[in-house]
Amino acid sequence: MSATAINKPIYSITPFTTLDYPKHLASILWFAKCNMACPYCYNPRIVREKGSISTEEALTFLSTRKGRLDGVVLSGGECTLYPFLEDFCTHIKALGFSIKIDTNGSQPSVIQSLVEQKLIDYIALDYKAPQEKFTTITAHKNFEPFSETLNYLIHSRFPFEARTTLHSDFLTTNDINTIIDDLSRRHYPHTYYLQNYLHVEETLGATKMQQNKFDLSLLTQTLPIELRNF
C-alpha cells in the first residue's frame, strides 16, 4: 500500500445517516480502494482513486459530533485493507462511538482481531455470490477468506448481518438459493438481507439496468429474509 493510501486513506465523509447503522445515528467514513471489482459497484471513484482525508482529520471531525451521533460506519472501498485500522478504531471508541464496518470479508485475520479486541460493534458482511460465481462477480480469485470470515462470525456469535446485492442479470434465483442454503448449512443465526440493485449511471463495470425478472416467490424459506429497495 502506498504512503498516500496510508496517510490519507479516507476518500470522503458522510456526516449523517439514519439508514446505514441499525438503530444508530451515524457518520460514514468511506475508505479508498478495494481488492474486488464488482461490476454493479456504485462507488467506482472510491475504488479507483486515492483518499484525501487522514485519520487525524477524520477524528477531528468526529470529535465535533460527540453528543450528536452515537455511531460511526467504516465503509468503502474496503476498510479492512487499511493497515492501521485497529489503532484508528481504538481512537474512535475513545470518543465514545459504536463502530460498524462494511466488509467483503476478504481479511479474516483483521476481522478476528477487531472482534476479539472489542474494537467494533457490528458488521455488515457482503456475500457477493455463490462460490462458483464468486470470481466472475468480484474479480477476486479466492472464496476461502470470505468463507473463513463468515464461519468465524457465526461461531463467535458476534452481531452481524449477511447481505447480497442483487442484480438479476448477474445472479439468478438459483444463485440466491445457493447462498441461502449455504448460510443455513453453516447455521447462520440472523436475518439475511437481499438488497435490490438501484441503477446509477456511474458504476465500476458500466452496468446497465436489470433486464431479467427475479421471482421472489421462488426463494428458499429456510431462514429469515428481509428485502431492501424492492
C-alpha atoms as a PDB file:
ATOM      1  CA  MET A   1       0.000   0.000   0.000  1.00  0.00           C
ATOM      2  CA  SER A   2       1.364   3.421  -0.976  1.00  0.00           C
ATOM      3  CA  ALA A   3       2.317   6.139   1.505  1.00  0.00           C
ATOM      4  CA  THR A   4      -0.599   8.253   0.295  1.00  0.00           C
ATOM      5  CA  ALA A   5      -3.053   5.421   0.902  1.00  0.00           C
ATOM      6  CA  ILE A   6      -1.691   5.004   4.431  1.00  0.00           C
ATOM      7  CA  ASN A   7      -1.504   8.688   5.314  1.00  0.00           C
ATOM      8  CA  LYS A   8      -4.817   9.683   3.727  1.00  0.00           C
ATOM      9  CA  PRO A   9      -6.888   6.504   3.430  1.00  0.00           C
ATOM     10  CA  ILE A  10     -10.355   8.084   3.532  1.00  0.00           C
ATOM     11  CA  TYR A  11     -11.984   9.234   0.304  1.00  0.00           C
ATOM     12  CA  SER A  12     -14.905  11.161   1.811  1.00  0.00           C
ATOM     13  CA  ILE A  13     -17.153  11.505   4.857  1.00  0.00           C
ATOM     14  CA  THR A  14     -20.941  11.366   5.021  1.00  0.00           C
ATOM     15  CA  PRO A  15     -21.680  13.490   8.099  1.00  0.00           C
ATOM     16  CA  PHE A  16     -25.036  11.953   8.975  1.00  0.00           C
ATOM     17  CA  THR A  17     -27.061   8.840   8.218  1.00  0.00           C
ATOM     18  CA  THR A  18     -30.038   7.131   9.823  1.00  0.00           C
ATOM     19  CA  LEU A  19     -30.001   4.199   7.376  1.00  0.00           C
ATOM     20  CA  ASP A  20     -26.557   2.603   7.376  1.00  0.00           C
ATOM     21  CA  TYR A  21     -26.188   1.557  11.016  1.00  0.00           C
ATOM     22  CA  PRO A  22     -29.262  -0.122  12.528  1.00  0.00           C
ATOM     23  CA  LYS A  23     -30.720   1.835  15.478  1.00  0.00           C
ATOM     24  CA  HIS A  24     -27.903   4.400  15.378  1.00  0.00           C
ATOM     25  CA  LEU A  25     -27.363   7.939  14.203  1.00  0.00           C
ATOM     26  CA  ALA A  26     -24.007   7.762  12.463  1.00  0.00           C
ATOM     27  CA  SER A  27     -21.394   9.209  10.164  1.00  0.00           C
ATOM     28  CA  ILE A  28     -19.855   7.174   7.340  1.00  0.00           C
ATOM     29  CA  LEU A  29     -16.126   7.184   6.615  1.00  0.00           C
ATOM     30  CA  TRP A  30     -15.517   5.944   3.066  1.00  0.00           C
ATOM     31  CA  PHE A  31     -12.132   4.235   2.714  1.00  0.00           C
ATOM     32  CA  ALA A  32     -10.492   4.427  -0.708  1.00  0.00           C
ATOM     33  CA  LYS A  33      -9.501   1.308  -2.680  1.00  0.00           C
ATOM     34  CA  CYS A  34     -10.898  -2.210  -2.794  1.00  0.00           C
ATOM     35  CA  ASN A  35      -9.484  -5.630  -3.646  1.00  0.00           C
ATOM     36  CA  MET A  36     -12.638  -6.597  -5.511  1.00  0.00           C
ATOM     37  CA  ALA A  37     -14.204  -5.152  -8.664  1.00  0.00           C
ATOM     38  CA  CYS A  38     -17.927  -5.889  -8.611  1.00  0.00           C
ATOM     39  CA  PRO A  39     -19.426  -4.527 -11.854  1.00  0.00           C
ATOM     40  CA  TYR A  40     -22.506  -3.057 -10.135  1.00  0.00           C
ATOM     41  CA  CYS A  41     -20.450  -1.134  -7.523  1.00  0.00           C
ATOM     42  CA  TYR A  42     -21.799   2.411  -7.324  1.00  0.00           C
ATOM     43  CA  ASN A  43     -18.586   3.767  -5.762  1.00  0.00           C
ATOM     44  CA  PRO A  44     -16.143   3.487  -8.698  1.00  0.00           C
ATOM     45  CA  ARG A  45     -14.270   6.643  -7.755  1.00  0.00           C
ATOM     46  CA  ILE A  46     -13.770   5.396  -4.207  1.00  0.00           C
ATOM     47  CA  VAL A  47     -12.437   2.101  -5.561  1.00  0.00           C
ATOM     48  CA  ARG A  48     -10.180   3.600  -8.243  1.00  0.00           C
ATOM     49  CA  GLU A  49      -8.986   6.900  -6.790  1.00  0.00           C
ATOM     50  CA  LYS A  50      -6.863   7.857  -3.806  1.00  0.00           C
ATOM     51  CA  GLY A  51      -8.039   9.064  -0.434  1.00  0.00           C
ATOM     52  CA  SER A  52      -7.799  12.715   0.521  1.00  0.00           C
ATOM     53  CA  ILE A  53      -8.591  12.668   4.264  1.00  0.00           C
ATOM     54  CA  SER A  54      -6.232  11.494   7.001  1.00  0.00           C
ATOM     55  CA  THR A  55      -7.386   9.536  10.014  1.00  0.00           C
ATOM     56  CA  GLU A  56      -6.361  12.506  12.168  1.00  0.00           C
ATOM     57  CA  GLU A  57      -8.683  14.773  10.183  1.00  0.00           C
ATOM     58  CA  ALA A  58     -11.462  12.207  10.473  1.00  0.00           C
ATOM     59  CA  LEU A  59     -11.008  12.004  14.250  1.00  0.00           C
ATOM     60  CA  THR A  60     -11.106  15.786  14.489  1.00  0.00           C
ATOM     61  CA  PHE A  61     -14.387  15.755  12.576  1.00  0.00           C
ATOM     62  CA  LEU A  62     -15.818  13.006  14.773  1.00  0.00           C
ATOM     63  CA  SER A  63     -14.893  14.900  17.918  1.00  0.00           C
ATOM     64  CA  THR A  64     -17.284  17.651  16.765  1.00  0.00           C
ATOM     65  CA  ARG A  65     -20.078  15.071  16.546  1.00  0.00           C
ATOM     66  CA  LYS A  66     -19.864  13.867  20.141  1.00  0.00           C
ATOM     67  CA  GLY A  67     -23.302  14.112  21.715  1.00  0.00           C
ATOM     68  CA  ARG A  68     -24.973  14.413  18.309  1.00  0.00           C
ATOM     69  CA  LEU A  69     -24.210  10.966  16.901  1.00  0.00           C
ATOM     70  CA  ASP A  70     -23.632   7.621  18.557  1.00  0.00           C
ATOM     71  CA  GLY A  71     -22.145   5.568  15.740  1.00  0.00           C
ATOM     72  CA  VAL A  72     -19.520   5.508  13.003  1.00  0.00           C
ATOM     73  CA  VAL A  73     -19.642   3.351   9.872  1.00  0.00           C
ATOM     74  CA  LEU A  74     -16.358   2.368   8.238  1.00  0.00           C
ATOM     75  CA  SER A  75     -17.146   1.571   4.618  1.00  0.00           C
ATOM     76  CA  GLY A  76     -15.577   1.881   1.204  1.00  0.00           C
ATOM     77  CA  GLY A  77     -13.960   0.540  -0.809  1.00  0.00           C
ATOM     78  CA  GLU A  78     -12.742  -1.977   1.743  1.00  0.00           C
ATOM     79  CA  CYS A  79     -11.780  -0.582   5.129  1.00  0.00           C
ATOM     80  CA  THR A  80     -10.025  -3.769   6.324  1.00  0.00           C
ATOM     81  CA  LEU A  81      -7.210  -3.189   3.810  1.00  0.00           C
ATOM     82  CA  TYR A  82      -6.018  -0.200   5.870  1.00  0.00           C
ATOM     83  CA  PRO A  83      -3.002  -1.447   7.899  1.00  0.00           C
ATOM     84  CA  PHE A  84      -3.649   0.724  10.967  1.00  0.00           C
ATOM     85  CA  LEU A  85      -7.368   0.052  11.300  1.00  0.00           C
ATOM     86  CA  GLU A  86      -7.103  -1.302  14.858  1.00  0.00           C
ATOM     87  CA  ASP A  87      -5.392   1.851  16.108  1.00  0.00           C
ATOM     88  CA  PHE A  88      -7.934   4.021  14.289  1.00  0.00           C
ATOM     89  CA  CYS A  89     -10.838   2.113  15.832  1.00  0.00           C
ATOM     90  CA  THR A  90      -9.250   2.473  19.266  1.00  0.00           C
ATOM     91  CA  HIS A  91      -9.310   6.253  18.858  1.00  0.00           C
ATOM     92  CA  ILE A  92     -12.899   6.252  17.596  1.00  0.00           C
ATOM     93  CA  LYS A  93     -14.004   4.147  20.568  1.00  0.00           C
ATOM     94  CA  ALA A  94     -12.209   6.563  22.897  1.00  0.00           C
ATOM     95  CA  LEU A  95     -14.529   9.283  21.587  1.00  0.00           C
ATOM     96  CA  GLY A  96     -17.483   7.184  22.751  1.00  0.00           C
ATOM     97  CA  PHE A  97     -18.815   5.951  19.399  1.00  0.00           C
ATOM     98  CA  SER A  98     -20.031   2.497  18.449  1.00  0.00           C
ATOM     99  CA  ILE A  99     -18.446   1.197  15.246  1.00  0.00           C
ATOM    100  CA  LYS A 100     -19.970  -0.722  12.366  1.00  0.00           C
ATOM    101  CA  ILE A 101     -17.864  -1.915   9.461  1.00  0.00           C
ATOM    102  CA  ASP A 102     -18.980  -2.847   5.955  1.00  0.00           C
ATOM    103  CA  THR A 103     -16.689  -5.538   4.583  1.00  0.00           C
ATOM    104  CA  ASN A 104     -16.303  -8.072   1.801  1.00  0.00           C
ATOM    105  CA  GLY A 105     -14.783 -10.482   4.315  1.00  0.00           C
ATOM    106  CA  SER A 106     -11.507 -10.924   2.456  1.00  0.00           C
ATOM    107  CA  GLN A 107      -9.345 -10.209   5.528  1.00  0.00           C
ATOM    108  CA  PRO A 108     -10.431 -12.740   8.187  1.00  0.00           C
ATOM    109  CA  SER A 109      -7.451 -12.124  10.480  1.00  0.00           C
ATOM    110  CA  VAL A 110      -8.269  -8.407  10.610  1.00  0.00           C
ATOM    111  CA  ILE A 111     -11.914  -9.129  11.399  1.00  0.00           C
ATOM    112  CA  GLN A 112     -10.950 -11.595  14.121  1.00  0.00           C
ATOM    113  CA  SER A 113      -8.553  -9.118  15.734  1.00  0.00           C
ATOM    114  CA  LEU A 114     -11.108  -6.292  15.719  1.00  0.00           C
ATOM    115  CA  VAL A 115     -13.775  -8.524  17.250  1.00  0.00           C
ATOM    116  CA  GLU A 116     -11.555 -10.051  19.921  1.00  0.00           C
ATOM    117  CA  GLN A 117     -10.210  -6.654  20.985  1.00  0.00           C
ATOM    118  CA  LYS A 118     -13.801  -5.358  21.201  1.00  0.00           C
ATOM    119  CA  LEU A 119     -12.977  -2.545  18.775  1.00  0.00           C
ATOM    120  CA  ILE A 120     -16.124  -2.921  16.652  1.00  0.00           C
ATOM    121  CA  ASP A 121     -19.769  -3.485  17.493  1.00  0.00           C
ATOM    122  CA  TYR A 122     -21.488  -4.622  14.287  1.00  0.00           C
ATOM    123  CA  ILE A 123     -20.534  -5.946  10.855  1.00  0.00           C
ATOM    124  CA  ALA A 124     -22.334  -5.956   7.516  1.00  0.00           C
ATOM    125  CA  LEU A 125     -20.760  -8.813   5.571  1.00  0.00           C
ATOM    126  CA  ASP A 126     -21.278  -8.811   1.816  1.00  0.00           C
ATOM    127  CA  TYR A 127     -21.956 -12.306   0.493  1.00  0.00           C
ATOM    128  CA  LYS A 128     -21.235 -11.341  -3.091  1.00  0.00           C
ATOM    129  CA  ALA A 129     -22.067 -14.574  -4.904  1.00  0.00           C
ATOM    130  CA  PRO A 130     -22.059 -18.351  -4.506  1.00  0.00           C
ATOM    131  CA  GLN A 131     -18.615 -19.927  -4.701  1.00  0.00           C
ATOM    132  CA  GLU A 132     -18.923 -20.987  -8.343  1.00  0.00           C
ATOM    133  CA  LYS A 133     -19.690 -17.396  -9.403  1.00  0.00           C
ATOM    134  CA  PHE A 134     -17.540 -15.586  -6.863  1.00  0.00           C
ATOM    135  CA  THR A 135     -14.634 -14.774  -9.161  1.00  0.00           C
ATOM    136  CA  THR A 136     -16.932 -13.778 -12.020  1.00  0.00           C
ATOM    137  CA  ILE A 137     -18.754 -11.248  -9.834  1.00  0.00           C
ATOM    138  CA  THR A 138     -15.852  -9.931  -7.758  1.00  0.00           C
ATOM    139  CA  ALA A 139     -12.751 -10.399  -9.962  1.00  0.00           C
ATOM    140  CA  HIS A 140     -11.231 -11.880  -6.781  1.00  0.00           C
ATOM    141  CA  LYS A 141      -9.878 -15.408  -7.163  1.00  0.00           C
ATOM    142  CA  ASN A 142     -10.226 -16.780  -3.661  1.00  0.00           C
ATOM    143  CA  PHE A 143     -13.571 -17.531  -1.981  1.00  0.00           C
ATOM    144  CA  GLU A 144     -11.938 -19.117   1.071  1.00  0.00           C
ATOM    145  CA  PRO A 145     -11.038 -15.935   3.032  1.00  0.00           C
ATOM    146  CA  PHE A 146     -14.662 -14.804   2.840  1.00  0.00           C
ATOM    147  CA  SER A 147     -15.787 -18.272   3.910  1.00  0.00           C
ATOM    148  CA  GLU A 148     -13.387 -18.164   6.872  1.00  0.00           C
ATOM    149  CA  THR A 149     -14.727 -14.761   7.922  1.00  0.00           C
ATOM    150  CA  LEU A 150     -18.318 -15.963   7.695  1.00  0.00           C
ATOM    151  CA  ASN A 151     -17.598 -19.074   9.779  1.00  0.00           C
ATOM    152  CA  TYR A 152     -15.727 -17.054  12.379  1.00  0.00           C
ATOM    153  CA  LEU A 153     -18.545 -14.533  12.813  1.00  0.00           C
ATOM    154  CA  ILE A 154     -21.143 -17.285  13.135  1.00  0.00           C
ATOM    155  CA  HIS A 155     -19.155 -19.279  15.672  1.00  0.00           C
ATOM    156  CA  SER A 156     -18.107 -16.217  17.696  1.00  0.00           C
ATOM    157  CA  ARG A 157     -21.769 -15.126  17.970  1.00  0.00           C
ATOM    158  CA  PHE A 158     -20.770 -11.591  17.038  1.00  0.00           C
ATOM    159  CA  PRO A 159     -23.604  -9.258  15.935  1.00  0.00           C
ATOM    160  CA  PHE A 160     -23.530  -9.129  12.152  1.00  0.00           C
ATOM    161  CA  GLU A 161     -25.640  -9.403   9.044  1.00  0.00           C
ATOM    162  CA  ALA A 162     -25.022 -11.231   5.796  1.00  0.00           C
ATOM    163  CA  ARG A 163     -26.283  -9.360   2.757  1.00  0.00           C
ATOM    164  CA  THR A 164     -26.256  -9.718  -1.007  1.00  0.00           C
ATOM    165  CA  THR A 165     -26.735  -7.047  -3.647  1.00  0.00           C
ATOM    166  CA  LEU A 166     -28.998  -8.490  -6.320  1.00  0.00           C
ATOM    167  CA  HIS A 167     -28.636  -7.524  -9.948  1.00  0.00           C
ATOM    168  CA  SER A 168     -30.802 -10.099 -11.708  1.00  0.00           C
ATOM    169  CA  ASP A 169     -28.622 -10.111 -14.836  1.00  0.00           C
ATOM    170  CA  PHE A 170     -25.711 -11.374 -12.702  1.00  0.00           C
ATOM    171  CA  LEU A 171     -27.405 -13.502 -10.031  1.00  0.00           C
ATOM    172  CA  THR A 172     -30.351 -15.826 -10.609  1.00  0.00           C
ATOM    173  CA  THR A 173     -32.906 -17.244  -8.201  1.00  0.00           C
ATOM    174  CA  ASN A 174     -30.852 -20.433  -8.101  1.00  0.00           C
ATOM    175  CA  ASP A 175     -27.760 -18.421  -7.147  1.00  0.00           C
ATOM    176  CA  ILE A 176     -29.541 -16.722  -4.262  1.00  0.00           C
ATOM    177  CA  ASN A 177     -30.986 -20.030  -3.113  1.00  0.00           C
ATOM    178  CA  THR A 178     -27.471 -21.485  -3.167  1.00  0.00           C
ATOM    179  CA  ILE A 179     -26.385 -18.675  -0.840  1.00  0.00           C
ATOM    180  CA  ILE A 180     -29.393 -19.250   1.420  1.00  0.00           C
ATOM    181  CA  ASP A 181     -28.674 -22.982   1.531  1.00  0.00           C
ATOM    182  CA  ASP A 182     -25.036 -22.306   2.390  1.00  0.00           C
ATOM    183  CA  LEU A 183     -25.969 -19.912   5.192  1.00  0.00           C
ATOM    184  CA  SER A 184     -28.443 -22.446   6.554  1.00  0.00           C
ATOM    185  CA  ARG A 185     -25.859 -25.232   6.410  1.00  0.00           C
ATOM    186  CA  ARG A 186     -23.426 -23.086   8.384  1.00  0.00           C
ATOM    187  CA  HIS A 187     -26.190 -22.351  10.963  1.00  0.00           C
ATOM    188  CA  TYR A 188     -26.220 -18.619  10.247  1.00  0.00           C
ATOM    189  CA  PRO A 189     -28.478 -17.320  13.061  1.00  0.00           C
ATOM    190  CA  HIS A 190     -29.593 -13.923  11.771  1.00  0.00           C
ATOM    191  CA  THR A 191     -31.737 -12.325   9.079  1.00  0.00           C
ATOM    192  CA  TYR A 192     -30.350 -12.500   5.547  1.00  0.00           C
ATOM    193  CA  TYR A 193     -30.680  -9.197   3.685  1.00  0.00           C
ATOM    194  CA  LEU A 194     -31.302  -9.145  -0.054  1.00  0.00           C
ATOM    195  CA  GLN A 195     -30.597  -5.718  -1.495  1.00  0.00           C
ATOM    196  CA  ASN A 196     -32.019  -4.839  -4.883  1.00  0.00           C
ATOM    197  CA  TYR A 197     -29.624  -3.106  -7.270  1.00  0.00           C
ATOM    198  CA  LEU A 198     -30.670   0.507  -7.782  1.00  0.00           C
ATOM    199  CA  HIS A 199     -29.370   1.796 -11.078  1.00  0.00           C
ATOM    200  CA  VAL A 200     -26.950   4.716 -11.205  1.00  0.00           C
ATOM    201  CA  GLU A 201     -25.162   5.935 -14.299  1.00  0.00           C
ATOM    202  CA  GLU A 202     -21.628   5.522 -12.956  1.00  0.00           C
ATOM    203  CA  THR A 203     -20.752   2.009 -11.833  1.00  0.00           C
ATOM    204  CA  LEU A 204     -17.460   0.146 -11.762  1.00  0.00           C
ATOM    205  CA  GLY A 205     -18.423  -2.074 -14.686  1.00  0.00           C
ATOM    206  CA  ALA A 206     -20.657   0.341 -16.625  1.00  0.00           C
ATOM    207  CA  THR A 207     -23.578  -1.822 -15.514  1.00  0.00           C
ATOM    208  CA  LYS A 208     -26.891  -1.486 -17.288  1.00  0.00           C
ATOM    209  CA  MET A 209     -30.352  -1.575 -15.761  1.00  0.00           C
ATOM    210  CA  GLN A 210     -31.657  -5.043 -14.871  1.00  0.00           C
ATOM    211  CA  GLN A 211     -33.360  -6.800 -17.758  1.00  0.00           C
ATOM    212  CA  ASN A 212     -34.159 -10.179 -16.222  1.00  0.00           C
ATOM    213  CA  LYS A 213     -37.122 -10.795 -13.953  1.00  0.00           C
ATOM    214  CA  PHE A 214     -36.467 -12.086 -10.462  1.00  0.00           C
ATOM    215  CA  ASP A 215     -39.201 -14.150  -8.856  1.00  0.00           C
ATOM    216  CA  LEU A 216     -39.016 -13.612  -5.110  1.00  0.00           C
ATOM    217  CA  SER A 217     -41.625 -16.317  -4.547  1.00  0.00           C
ATOM    218  CA  LEU A 218     -39.056 -18.951  -5.559  1.00  0.00           C
ATOM    219  CA  LEU A 219     -36.672 -18.142  -2.702  1.00  0.00           C
ATOM    220  CA  THR A 220     -35.967 -20.913  -0.224  1.00  0.00           C
ATOM    221  CA  GLN A 221     -37.572 -20.126   3.136  1.00  0.00           C
ATOM    222  CA  THR A 222     -35.056 -21.780   5.462  1.00  0.00           C
ATOM    223  CA  LEU A 223     -34.032 -18.578   7.239  1.00  0.00           C
ATOM    224  CA  PRO A 224     -35.489 -15.094   7.749  1.00  0.00           C
ATOM    225  CA  ILE A 225     -35.081 -12.892   4.678  1.00  0.00           C
ATOM    226  CA  GLU A 226     -35.535  -9.135   4.592  1.00  0.00           C
ATOM    227  CA  LEU A 227     -35.745  -7.223   1.324  1.00  0.00           C
ATOM    228  CA  ARG A 228     -34.188  -3.816   0.801  1.00  0.00           C
ATOM    229  CA  ASN A 229     -35.004  -1.429  -2.064  1.00  0.00           C
ATOM    230  CA  PHE A 230     -37.523  -3.784  -3.681  1.00  0.00           C
END
